[in-house]
Structures are given as structure tokens and as C-alpha cells.
Amino acid sequence: MNSMPNYRRAAVPGGSYFFTVVTAGRQPILCDDPVRSALRAAIAEVRARWPFSIDAWVLMPDHLHCIWTLPPGDRNYSRRWSAIKRLTYQKCVTGHDCAAATSSRHKRNEGRLWQRRFWEHCIRDQRDLERCRDYLHWNPVKHGYVSHVADWPYSTFHRCVNDGVYPVDWGGEVARRIDGHRFGE
């Protein structure tokens, strides 16, 4: 009997994906300057080796959401996430409890920065992309960190405003209902 889990993941070459990645134990450290800088450097290093576009992103204290599009013919986002997590951990300062690791995590170079797994959703169409992008950008308001989407500094919201995706006051004080999800209440 094989005790190894068989995780089924979407695998559409050149697809767009919505991801949720969480810190180990929900540590609220991702917005701290050293960790944020380590994550940014890790992403740049991985993108140089295995390109992908970042369509949307939000960094929260204990998790992140993002939407990526992979190059045509490529479906290996797991390799990218593995490398990003490993490199972030390696670049991270030890003052955030990144150095202590269980023996199992140590063998995998995971440390205690990230949860072992991540969640992914293959974007099906334009409406699905818009729903995921809205959810992602609304997340800081949903979690009570800011009252207005535009006030959260760790997202691609302002880039989307500049690209004409959103008006600058999108997600203001008015509660919004997006595809059955109640936001802001």
C-alpha cells in the first residue's frame, strides 16, 4: 500500500491560475520589510529561470493571493512555488523564526516560513479572472486592515487602476457583492 498522497492539481499549459499561499502557523510576517524583500528577490530569481506573468497580487501579513499566467506549453507552477518558498526562506532573516525547522522540513529546505502546500484554481474564463482579481484586491478590506482597497500598499491594485481595470475609488466604503461573496460587511 502506497502511503504517499496523490494530490490532483489543475495542469493547463499556458494557463492562468489563482493561488493562495500561507505562512506556517499563520505567522503575520509577510509584510515585514526583510521578509517582503526576500520574497520579492526570490520571485525575481525564479521568474528569470522559469518565466511567468503576475496578473494580480496581494500580500497579507500571513498569506498571499496572486494570479499568474504561465508561458504557452508550460504548466509547472508547482516547481516555481517550491523554488520561491525555498529561496525566500534562504534569503529571509532569522529574526522571524525562519531558521528553526523540523527535520522533515529541513530535508526539503522548507524551514518554518511557509505551510507545505498551497491552493490553486485554474482560471476558466474572463468572468472567473475578474471575480478572482476582485477577491484578491478586496482581501485587505475583508480582513479589516484598511477601509479602502486603495489604502493597502502591498497589492497590484494601483497598477490595475493605471491599466484602466478599476477606477481609483473601486471598493470604497460601499459593501460589495461579487459572485455570491459578501465583502465589506
N, C-alpha and C. Protein backbone atom coordinates (compact mmCIF):
# COMPACT_ATOMS: atom_id res chain seq x y z
N MET A 1 0.85 -1.18 0.00
CA MET A 1 0.00 0.00 0.00
C MET A 1 0.89 1.24 0.00
N ASN A 2 0.64 2.13 -0.91
CA ASN A 2 1.41 3.36 -1.04
C ASN A 2 0.83 4.41 -0.10
N SER A 3 1.65 4.93 0.81
CA SER A 3 1.18 5.93 1.76
C SER A 3 1.38 7.36 1.28
N MET A 4 1.97 7.52 0.11
CA MET A 4 2.19 8.86 -0.43
C MET A 4 0.87 9.43 -0.94
N PRO A 5 0.54 10.66 -0.57
CA PRO A 5 -0.71 11.25 -1.06
C PRO A 5 -0.61 11.54 -2.55
N ASN A 6 -1.72 11.47 -3.23
CA ASN A 6 -1.78 11.78 -4.65
C ASN A 6 -2.61 13.05 -4.80
N TYR A 7 -1.94 14.20 -4.78
CA TYR A 7 -2.64 15.48 -4.90
C TYR A 7 -2.93 15.75 -6.36
N ARG A 8 -4.16 16.03 -6.65
CA ARG A 8 -4.54 16.34 -8.03
C ARG A 8 -4.56 17.86 -8.17
N ARG A 9 -3.84 18.31 -9.15
CA ARG A 9 -3.76 19.74 -9.40
C ARG A 9 -4.15 20.01 -10.85
N ALA A 10 -4.72 21.18 -11.07
CA ALA A 10 -5.02 21.59 -12.44
C ALA A 10 -3.70 21.74 -13.19
N ALA A 11 -3.70 21.37 -14.44
CA ALA A 11 -2.46 21.45 -15.22
C ALA A 11 -2.78 21.84 -16.66
N VAL A 12 -3.06 23.10 -16.87
CA VAL A 12 -3.36 23.61 -18.20
C VAL A 12 -2.14 24.36 -18.71
N PRO A 13 -1.46 23.82 -19.72
CA PRO A 13 -0.27 24.52 -20.25
C PRO A 13 -0.63 25.94 -20.71
N GLY A 14 0.17 26.91 -20.26
CA GLY A 14 -0.07 28.31 -20.62
C GLY A 14 -1.27 28.91 -19.92
N GLY A 15 -1.79 28.24 -18.92
CA GLY A 15 -2.99 28.70 -18.23
C GLY A 15 -2.73 29.82 -17.24
N SER A 16 -3.83 30.40 -16.79
CA SER A 16 -3.79 31.39 -15.72
C SER A 16 -4.35 30.74 -14.47
N TYR A 17 -3.74 31.03 -13.33
CA TYR A 17 -4.08 30.38 -12.07
C TYR A 17 -4.18 31.39 -10.95
N PHE A 18 -5.13 31.16 -10.05
CA PHE A 18 -5.27 31.92 -8.82
C PHE A 18 -4.65 31.06 -7.71
N PHE A 19 -3.75 31.64 -6.91
CA PHE A 19 -3.07 30.91 -5.85
C PHE A 19 -3.31 31.57 -4.50
N THR A 20 -3.34 30.74 -3.46
CA THR A 20 -3.28 31.18 -2.08
C THR A 20 -2.14 30.43 -1.43
N VAL A 21 -1.22 31.17 -0.84
CA VAL A 21 -0.06 30.60 -0.16
C VAL A 21 -0.04 31.19 1.25
N VAL A 22 0.15 30.33 2.26
CA VAL A 22 0.01 30.73 3.65
C VAL A 22 1.31 30.47 4.41
N THR A 23 1.61 31.33 5.37
CA THR A 23 2.78 31.11 6.21
C THR A 23 2.51 29.97 7.19
N ALA A 24 3.58 29.34 7.64
CA ALA A 24 3.47 28.27 8.63
C ALA A 24 2.89 28.86 9.92
N GLY A 25 1.88 28.21 10.45
CA GLY A 25 1.27 28.68 11.69
C GLY A 25 0.62 30.04 11.58
N ARG A 26 0.35 30.46 10.34
CA ARG A 26 -0.24 31.79 10.10
C ARG A 26 0.57 32.91 10.74
N GLN A 27 1.90 32.78 10.71
CA GLN A 27 2.76 33.84 11.24
C GLN A 27 2.50 35.13 10.46
N PRO A 28 2.23 36.25 11.12
CA PRO A 28 1.94 37.51 10.42
C PRO A 28 3.22 38.28 10.08
N ILE A 29 4.03 37.73 9.17
CA ILE A 29 5.36 38.30 8.91
C ILE A 29 5.60 38.72 7.46
N LEU A 30 4.69 38.41 6.54
CA LEU A 30 4.98 38.64 5.12
C LEU A 30 5.10 40.11 4.75
N CYS A 31 4.47 41.00 5.49
CA CYS A 31 4.55 42.43 5.18
C CYS A 31 5.73 43.10 5.86
N ASP A 32 6.47 42.36 6.70
CA ASP A 32 7.68 42.90 7.32
C ASP A 32 8.73 43.12 6.23
N ASP A 33 9.44 44.23 6.29
CA ASP A 33 10.39 44.59 5.24
C ASP A 33 11.37 43.47 4.87
N PRO A 34 12.05 42.82 5.82
CA PRO A 34 13.02 41.78 5.43
C PRO A 34 12.38 40.59 4.71
N VAL A 35 11.23 40.18 5.16
CA VAL A 35 10.56 39.03 4.54
C VAL A 35 10.01 39.42 3.18
N ARG A 36 9.40 40.59 3.09
CA ARG A 36 8.88 41.09 1.81
C ARG A 36 10.00 41.23 0.79
N SER A 37 11.15 41.74 1.22
CA SER A 37 12.29 41.88 0.31
C SER A 37 12.82 40.52 -0.13
N ALA A 38 12.86 39.56 0.80
CA ALA A 38 13.32 38.21 0.46
C ALA A 38 12.37 37.56 -0.54
N LEU A 39 11.07 37.74 -0.33
CA LEU A 39 10.07 37.19 -1.25
C LEU A 39 10.20 37.82 -2.63
N ARG A 40 10.35 39.14 -2.67
CA ARG A 40 10.49 39.84 -3.95
C ARG A 40 11.72 39.34 -4.70
N ALA A 41 12.85 39.18 -4.00
CA ALA A 41 14.08 38.70 -4.63
C ALA A 41 13.92 37.26 -5.12
N ALA A 42 13.26 36.44 -4.33
CA ALA A 42 13.04 35.04 -4.73
C ALA A 42 12.18 34.96 -5.98
N ILE A 43 11.13 35.77 -6.04
CA ILE A 43 10.25 35.77 -7.21
C ILE A 43 11.03 36.21 -8.45
N ALA A 44 11.83 37.25 -8.32
CA ALA A 44 12.63 37.72 -9.47
C ALA A 44 13.59 36.63 -9.96
N GLU A 45 14.21 35.95 -9.02
CA GLU A 45 15.15 34.88 -9.38
C GLU A 45 14.42 33.73 -10.09
N VAL A 46 13.27 33.35 -9.59
CA VAL A 46 12.51 32.26 -10.20
C VAL A 46 11.98 32.68 -11.57
N ARG A 47 11.48 33.90 -11.69
CA ARG A 47 10.97 34.37 -12.99
C ARG A 47 12.06 34.45 -14.04
N ALA A 48 13.29 34.72 -13.61
CA ALA A 48 14.40 34.76 -14.57
C ALA A 48 14.69 33.36 -15.12
N ARG A 49 14.49 32.36 -14.29
CA ARG A 49 14.76 30.98 -14.72
C ARG A 49 13.54 30.33 -15.38
N TRP A 50 12.36 30.52 -14.79
CA TRP A 50 11.12 29.94 -15.30
C TRP A 50 10.09 31.07 -15.40
N PRO A 51 10.00 31.74 -16.54
CA PRO A 51 9.14 32.93 -16.65
C PRO A 51 7.66 32.65 -16.38
N PHE A 52 6.99 33.66 -15.91
CA PHE A 52 5.54 33.70 -15.76
C PHE A 52 5.16 35.15 -15.56
N SER A 53 3.93 35.49 -15.91
CA SER A 53 3.48 36.86 -15.68
C SER A 53 2.65 36.89 -14.41
N ILE A 54 2.78 37.98 -13.69
CA ILE A 54 1.97 38.22 -12.49
C ILE A 54 0.85 39.16 -12.90
N ASP A 55 -0.35 38.62 -12.95
CA ASP A 55 -1.51 39.40 -13.39
C ASP A 55 -2.12 40.20 -12.25
N ALA A 56 -2.04 39.68 -11.03
CA ALA A 56 -2.56 40.38 -9.85
C ALA A 56 -1.90 39.77 -8.62
N TRP A 57 -1.83 40.57 -7.56
CA TRP A 57 -1.13 40.12 -6.36
C TRP A 57 -1.62 40.91 -5.16
N VAL A 58 -1.74 40.25 -4.03
CA VAL A 58 -1.92 40.94 -2.76
C VAL A 58 -1.12 40.18 -1.71
N LEU A 59 -0.36 40.92 -0.95
CA LEU A 59 0.43 40.35 0.14
C LEU A 59 -0.23 40.76 1.45
N MET A 60 -0.62 39.77 2.22
CA MET A 60 -1.23 39.98 3.52
C MET A 60 -0.21 39.57 4.59
N PRO A 61 -0.41 39.92 5.84
CA PRO A 61 0.58 39.55 6.86
C PRO A 61 0.87 38.05 6.95
N ASP A 62 -0.16 37.20 6.78
CA ASP A 62 0.06 35.76 6.96
C ASP A 62 -0.25 34.92 5.73
N HIS A 63 -0.60 35.54 4.63
CA HIS A 63 -0.84 34.79 3.40
C HIS A 63 -0.76 35.74 2.21
N LEU A 64 -0.77 35.16 1.03
CA LEU A 64 -0.81 35.96 -0.18
C LEU A 64 -1.77 35.29 -1.16
N HIS A 65 -2.31 36.12 -2.03
CA HIS A 65 -3.11 35.65 -3.16
C HIS A 65 -2.47 36.24 -4.40
N CYS A 66 -2.46 35.48 -5.48
CA CYS A 66 -1.96 36.03 -6.73
C CYS A 66 -2.56 35.28 -7.90
N ILE A 67 -2.47 35.92 -9.05
CA ILE A 67 -2.89 35.32 -10.31
C ILE A 67 -1.69 35.36 -11.24
N TRP A 68 -1.32 34.20 -11.74
CA TRP A 68 -0.20 34.08 -12.68
C TRP A 68 -0.72 33.53 -14.00
N THR A 69 0.00 33.88 -15.07
CA THR A 69 -0.18 33.22 -16.36
C THR A 69 1.15 32.62 -16.76
N LEU A 70 1.13 31.34 -17.09
CA LEU A 70 2.34 30.64 -17.48
C LEU A 70 2.57 30.77 -18.99
N PRO A 71 3.80 30.58 -19.44
CA PRO A 71 4.08 30.64 -20.88
C PRO A 71 3.37 29.52 -21.63
N PRO A 72 3.12 29.70 -22.92
CA PRO A 72 2.48 28.64 -23.71
C PRO A 72 3.26 27.32 -23.58
N GLY A 73 2.53 26.25 -23.39
CA GLY A 73 3.14 24.94 -23.29
C GLY A 73 3.67 24.59 -21.91
N ASP A 74 3.67 25.52 -20.99
CA ASP A 74 4.23 25.30 -19.65
C ASP A 74 3.09 25.20 -18.65
N ARG A 75 3.16 24.19 -17.78
CA ARG A 75 2.12 24.03 -16.76
C ARG A 75 2.70 23.81 -15.37
N ASN A 76 4.00 24.02 -15.21
CA ASN A 76 4.66 23.65 -13.97
C ASN A 76 4.76 24.81 -12.98
N TYR A 77 3.64 25.20 -12.42
CA TYR A 77 3.66 26.23 -11.39
C TYR A 77 4.16 25.67 -10.06
N SER A 78 4.02 24.37 -9.83
CA SER A 78 4.49 23.77 -8.57
C SER A 78 6.00 23.93 -8.41
N ARG A 79 6.75 23.74 -9.49
CA ARG A 79 8.21 23.93 -9.43
C ARG A 79 8.52 25.38 -9.06
N ARG A 80 7.79 26.31 -9.62
CA ARG A 80 8.02 27.72 -9.33
C ARG A 80 7.74 28.03 -7.86
N TRP A 81 6.59 27.54 -7.34
CA TRP A 81 6.27 27.81 -5.94
C TRP A 81 7.28 27.15 -5.01
N SER A 82 7.70 25.96 -5.32
CA SER A 82 8.70 25.29 -4.49
C SER A 82 9.98 26.12 -4.42
N ALA A 83 10.42 26.61 -5.57
CA ALA A 83 11.65 27.41 -5.60
C ALA A 83 11.45 28.75 -4.89
N ILE A 84 10.31 29.40 -5.09
CA ILE A 84 10.05 30.68 -4.42
C ILE A 84 10.06 30.50 -2.91
N LYS A 85 9.40 29.48 -2.43
CA LYS A 85 9.36 29.23 -0.98
C LYS A 85 10.75 28.94 -0.44
N ARG A 86 11.49 28.08 -1.12
CA ARG A 86 12.83 27.72 -0.66
C ARG A 86 13.75 28.94 -0.67
N LEU A 87 13.75 29.69 -1.76
CA LEU A 87 14.62 30.86 -1.86
C LEU A 87 14.24 31.96 -0.87
N THR A 88 12.95 32.16 -0.66
CA THR A 88 12.52 33.16 0.33
C THR A 88 13.05 32.78 1.70
N TYR A 89 12.89 31.52 2.04
CA TYR A 89 13.40 31.03 3.33
C TYR A 89 14.90 31.25 3.44
N GLN A 90 15.64 30.92 2.39
CA GLN A 90 17.09 31.07 2.41
C GLN A 90 17.51 32.53 2.53
N LYS A 91 16.77 33.43 1.91
CA LYS A 91 17.11 34.85 1.93
C LYS A 91 16.58 35.56 3.17
N CYS A 92 15.64 34.93 3.86
CA CYS A 92 14.96 35.53 4.99
C CYS A 92 15.90 35.69 6.18
N VAL A 93 15.68 36.72 6.95
CA VAL A 93 16.46 36.92 8.17
C VAL A 93 15.98 35.95 9.24
N THR A 94 16.85 35.50 10.10
CA THR A 94 16.49 34.51 11.11
C THR A 94 15.67 35.12 12.24
N GLY A 95 15.58 36.42 12.33
CA GLY A 95 14.81 37.08 13.39
C GLY A 95 13.32 36.82 13.30
N HIS A 96 12.85 36.22 12.22
CA HIS A 96 11.43 35.93 12.06
C HIS A 96 11.15 34.44 12.24
N ASP A 97 12.00 33.76 12.99
CA ASP A 97 11.81 32.34 13.27
C ASP A 97 11.87 31.51 12.00
N CYS A 98 12.60 31.99 11.01
CA CYS A 98 12.73 31.25 9.76
C CYS A 98 13.79 30.16 9.89
N ALA A 99 14.67 30.27 10.83
CA ALA A 99 15.78 29.33 10.91
C ALA A 99 15.39 28.00 11.54
N ALA A 100 14.49 28.01 12.51
CA ALA A 100 14.11 26.77 13.18
C ALA A 100 13.27 25.93 12.24
N ALA A 101 13.60 24.66 12.15
CA ALA A 101 12.87 23.79 11.23
C ALA A 101 12.78 22.39 11.79
N THR A 102 11.68 21.72 11.49
CA THR A 102 11.58 20.33 11.86
C THR A 102 12.49 19.53 10.94
N SER A 103 12.82 18.30 11.31
CA SER A 103 13.71 17.50 10.48
C SER A 103 13.09 17.24 9.11
N SER A 104 11.79 17.02 9.06
CA SER A 104 11.11 16.79 7.78
C SER A 104 11.21 18.02 6.89
N ARG A 105 10.96 19.20 7.46
CA ARG A 105 11.05 20.43 6.69
C ARG A 105 12.50 20.73 6.30
N HIS A 106 13.43 20.40 7.21
CA HIS A 106 14.83 20.64 6.93
C HIS A 106 15.29 19.85 5.70
N LYS A 107 14.87 18.59 5.59
CA LYS A 107 15.22 17.76 4.44
C LYS A 107 14.75 18.39 3.14
N ARG A 108 13.63 19.08 3.20
CA ARG A 108 13.07 19.69 2.00
C ARG A 108 13.47 21.17 1.86
N ASN A 109 14.32 21.67 2.74
CA ASN A 109 14.72 23.08 2.75
C ASN A 109 13.51 24.01 2.88
N GLU A 110 12.49 23.59 3.63
CA GLU A 110 11.28 24.40 3.76
C GLU A 110 11.32 25.38 4.91
N GLY A 111 12.05 25.05 5.97
CA GLY A 111 12.07 25.93 7.12
C GLY A 111 10.70 26.02 7.77
N ARG A 112 10.45 27.08 8.49
CA ARG A 112 9.16 27.27 9.15
C ARG A 112 8.48 28.54 8.66
N LEU A 113 8.81 28.97 7.49
CA LEU A 113 8.22 30.18 6.95
C LEU A 113 6.86 29.92 6.29
N TRP A 114 6.74 28.82 5.56
CA TRP A 114 5.56 28.54 4.75
C TRP A 114 4.85 27.27 5.18
N GLN A 115 3.53 27.25 4.97
CA GLN A 115 2.83 25.98 5.02
C GLN A 115 3.34 25.15 3.85
N ARG A 116 3.33 23.85 4.01
CA ARG A 116 3.89 22.97 2.99
C ARG A 116 3.14 23.05 1.67
N ARG A 117 1.87 23.15 1.68
CA ARG A 117 1.06 23.14 0.46
C ARG A 117 0.63 24.56 0.08
N PHE A 118 -0.05 24.65 -1.05
CA PHE A 118 -0.69 25.89 -1.48
C PHE A 118 -1.99 25.50 -2.16
N TRP A 119 -2.85 26.49 -2.36
CA TRP A 119 -4.12 26.25 -3.02
C TRP A 119 -4.06 26.90 -4.39
N GLU A 120 -4.55 26.20 -5.41
CA GLU A 120 -4.59 26.79 -6.74
C GLU A 120 -5.95 26.58 -7.36
N HIS A 121 -6.29 27.48 -8.26
CA HIS A 121 -7.54 27.41 -9.01
C HIS A 121 -7.22 27.83 -10.43
N CYS A 122 -7.54 26.99 -11.38
CA CYS A 122 -7.31 27.33 -12.79
C CYS A 122 -8.40 28.30 -13.24
N ILE A 123 -7.99 29.44 -13.77
CA ILE A 123 -8.93 30.46 -14.23
C ILE A 123 -9.62 29.93 -15.50
N ARG A 124 -10.94 29.91 -15.48
CA ARG A 124 -11.71 29.31 -16.57
C ARG A 124 -12.02 30.27 -17.72
N ASP A 125 -12.29 31.52 -17.38
CA ASP A 125 -12.70 32.47 -18.41
C ASP A 125 -12.54 33.89 -17.87
N GLN A 126 -12.92 34.87 -18.66
CA GLN A 126 -12.76 36.28 -18.26
C GLN A 126 -13.54 36.61 -16.99
N ARG A 127 -14.74 36.10 -16.88
CA ARG A 127 -15.54 36.38 -15.68
C ARG A 127 -14.88 35.80 -14.43
N ASP A 128 -14.34 34.60 -14.55
CA ASP A 128 -13.63 33.97 -13.44
C ASP A 128 -12.39 34.78 -13.07
N LEU A 129 -11.67 35.26 -14.07
CA LEU A 129 -10.50 36.11 -13.82
C LEU A 129 -10.91 37.36 -13.06
N GLU A 130 -11.97 38.01 -13.49
CA GLU A 130 -12.43 39.23 -12.82
C GLU A 130 -12.85 38.95 -11.38
N ARG A 131 -13.56 37.86 -11.16
CA ARG A 131 -14.00 37.50 -9.81
C ARG A 131 -12.81 37.24 -8.90
N CYS A 132 -11.83 36.50 -9.40
CA CYS A 132 -10.63 36.20 -8.59
C CYS A 132 -9.82 37.47 -8.33
N ARG A 133 -9.68 38.32 -9.34
CA ARG A 133 -8.94 39.56 -9.17
C ARG A 133 -9.64 40.48 -8.16
N ASP A 134 -10.96 40.56 -8.24
CA ASP A 134 -11.71 41.37 -7.28
C ASP A 134 -11.54 40.83 -5.86
N TYR A 135 -11.66 39.52 -5.70
CA TYR A 135 -11.49 38.91 -4.37
C TYR A 135 -10.11 39.21 -3.82
N LEU A 136 -9.11 39.05 -4.64
CA LEU A 136 -7.72 39.28 -4.25
C LEU A 136 -7.53 40.72 -3.76
N HIS A 137 -7.97 41.69 -4.55
CA HIS A 137 -7.76 43.09 -4.19
C HIS A 137 -8.63 43.52 -3.00
N TRP A 138 -9.78 42.88 -2.81
CA TRP A 138 -10.66 43.23 -1.70
C TRP A 138 -10.16 42.65 -0.38
N ASN A 139 -9.26 41.68 -0.42
CA ASN A 139 -8.83 40.94 0.76
C ASN A 139 -8.37 41.81 1.94
N PRO A 140 -7.58 42.86 1.75
CA PRO A 140 -7.18 43.69 2.90
C PRO A 140 -8.36 44.36 3.61
N VAL A 141 -9.40 44.71 2.85
CA VAL A 141 -10.60 45.29 3.45
C VAL A 141 -11.37 44.19 4.18
N LYS A 142 -11.52 43.05 3.55
CA LYS A 142 -12.22 41.91 4.15
C LYS A 142 -11.63 41.55 5.51
N HIS A 143 -10.30 41.58 5.60
CA HIS A 143 -9.63 41.21 6.85
C HIS A 143 -9.49 42.38 7.83
N GLY A 144 -10.00 43.57 7.46
CA GLY A 144 -10.02 44.69 8.37
C GLY A 144 -8.72 45.48 8.48
N TYR A 145 -7.80 45.31 7.55
CA TYR A 145 -6.54 46.05 7.60
C TYR A 145 -6.68 47.49 7.11
N VAL A 146 -7.61 47.72 6.18
CA VAL A 146 -7.88 49.05 5.65
C VAL A 146 -9.38 49.19 5.38
N SER A 147 -9.83 50.42 5.22
CA SER A 147 -11.23 50.67 4.89
C SER A 147 -11.46 50.79 3.40
N HIS A 148 -10.41 51.10 2.66
CA HIS A 148 -10.49 51.29 1.21
C HIS A 148 -9.40 50.46 0.54
N VAL A 149 -9.74 49.81 -0.54
CA VAL A 149 -8.77 48.97 -1.26
C VAL A 149 -7.52 49.77 -1.61
N ALA A 150 -7.70 51.01 -2.02
CA ALA A 150 -6.57 51.84 -2.45
C ALA A 150 -5.58 52.14 -1.32
N ASP A 151 -5.96 51.92 -0.08
CA ASP A 151 -5.08 52.22 1.05
C ASP A 151 -4.08 51.12 1.36
N TRP A 152 -4.25 49.91 0.79
CA TRP A 152 -3.35 48.80 1.09
C TRP A 152 -2.14 48.89 0.16
N PRO A 153 -0.93 49.01 0.69
CA PRO A 153 0.25 49.22 -0.16
C PRO A 153 0.81 47.96 -0.82
N TYR A 154 0.37 46.78 -0.40
CA TYR A 154 1.01 45.54 -0.86
C TYR A 154 0.14 44.77 -1.84
N SER A 155 -0.27 45.44 -2.91
CA SER A 155 -1.07 44.77 -3.93
C SER A 155 -0.84 45.43 -5.29
N THR A 156 -1.39 44.80 -6.30
CA THR A 156 -1.29 45.33 -7.66
C THR A 156 -2.49 46.24 -7.98
N PHE A 157 -3.26 46.61 -6.98
CA PHE A 157 -4.45 47.43 -7.23
C PHE A 157 -4.12 48.70 -8.00
N HIS A 158 -3.09 49.43 -7.58
CA HIS A 158 -2.77 50.70 -8.26
C HIS A 158 -2.30 50.47 -9.70
N ARG A 159 -1.62 49.35 -9.94
CA ARG A 159 -1.25 49.00 -11.31
C ARG A 159 -2.51 48.77 -12.13
N CYS A 160 -3.51 48.08 -11.54
CA CYS A 160 -4.77 47.83 -12.24
C CYS A 160 -5.53 49.13 -12.49
N VAL A 161 -5.46 50.08 -11.57
CA VAL A 161 -6.07 51.39 -11.79
C VAL A 161 -5.39 52.07 -12.97
N ASN A 162 -4.06 52.07 -13.00
CA ASN A 162 -3.31 52.68 -14.10
C ASN A 162 -3.61 52.01 -15.44
N ASP A 163 -3.91 50.72 -15.42
CA ASP A 163 -4.23 49.97 -16.64
C ASP A 163 -5.70 50.09 -17.04
N GLY A 164 -6.50 50.81 -16.24
CA GLY A 164 -7.91 51.01 -16.56
C GLY A 164 -8.82 49.87 -16.14
N VAL A 165 -8.33 48.93 -15.34
CA VAL A 165 -9.14 47.81 -14.88
C VAL A 165 -10.14 48.27 -13.82
N TYR A 166 -9.70 49.14 -12.93
CA TYR A 166 -10.54 49.64 -11.84
C TYR A 166 -10.50 51.16 -11.82
N PRO A 167 -11.60 51.79 -11.35
CA PRO A 167 -11.50 53.21 -11.00
C PRO A 167 -10.76 53.32 -9.66
N VAL A 168 -10.15 54.44 -9.40
CA VAL A 168 -9.35 54.61 -8.19
C VAL A 168 -10.16 54.40 -6.92
N ASP A 169 -11.47 54.66 -6.98
CA ASP A 169 -12.30 54.52 -5.78
C ASP A 169 -13.00 53.16 -5.71
N TRP A 170 -12.59 52.19 -6.54
CA TRP A 170 -13.20 50.86 -6.51
C TRP A 170 -13.07 50.27 -5.11
N GLY A 171 -14.13 49.64 -4.66
CA GLY A 171 -14.09 49.02 -3.34
C GLY A 171 -14.06 50.04 -2.23
N GLY A 172 -14.71 51.16 -2.45
CA GLY A 172 -14.77 52.19 -1.40
C GLY A 172 -15.55 51.70 -0.21
N GLU A 173 -16.23 52.59 0.45
CA GLU A 173 -16.92 52.25 1.69
C GLU A 173 -18.20 51.44 1.47
N VAL A 174 -18.70 51.43 0.25
CA VAL A 174 -19.94 50.71 -0.03
C VAL A 174 -19.66 49.21 -0.04
N ALA A 175 -20.49 48.45 0.68
CA ALA A 175 -20.35 46.99 0.67
C ALA A 175 -20.60 46.47 -0.74
N ARG A 176 -19.87 45.44 -1.13
CA ARG A 176 -19.98 44.91 -2.47
C ARG A 176 -20.36 43.43 -2.41
N ARG A 177 -21.12 42.99 -3.39
CA ARG A 177 -21.42 41.56 -3.54
C ARG A 177 -20.83 41.15 -4.88
N ILE A 178 -19.91 40.20 -4.83
CA ILE A 178 -19.24 39.74 -6.04
C ILE A 178 -19.44 38.24 -6.12
N ASP A 179 -20.20 37.81 -7.10
CA ASP A 179 -20.47 36.37 -7.32
C ASP A 179 -20.81 35.62 -6.04
N GLY A 180 -21.72 36.16 -5.27
CA GLY A 180 -22.20 35.46 -4.09
C GLY A 180 -21.35 35.65 -2.84
N HIS A 181 -20.24 36.32 -2.96
CA HIS A 181 -19.39 36.58 -1.79
C HIS A 181 -19.74 37.96 -1.26
N ARG A 182 -19.98 38.07 0.03
CA ARG A 182 -20.28 39.35 0.65
C ARG A 182 -18.98 39.94 1.15
N PHE A 183 -18.63 41.10 0.66
CA PHE A 183 -17.39 41.77 1.03
C PHE A 183 -17.72 43.05 1.78
N GLY A 184 -16.98 43.35 2.82
CA GLY A 184 -17.08 44.64 3.50
C GLY A 184 -18.17 44.73 4.52
N GLU A 185 -18.78 43.64 4.90
CA GLU A 185 -19.86 43.73 5.90
C GLU A 185 -19.53 42.91 7.11
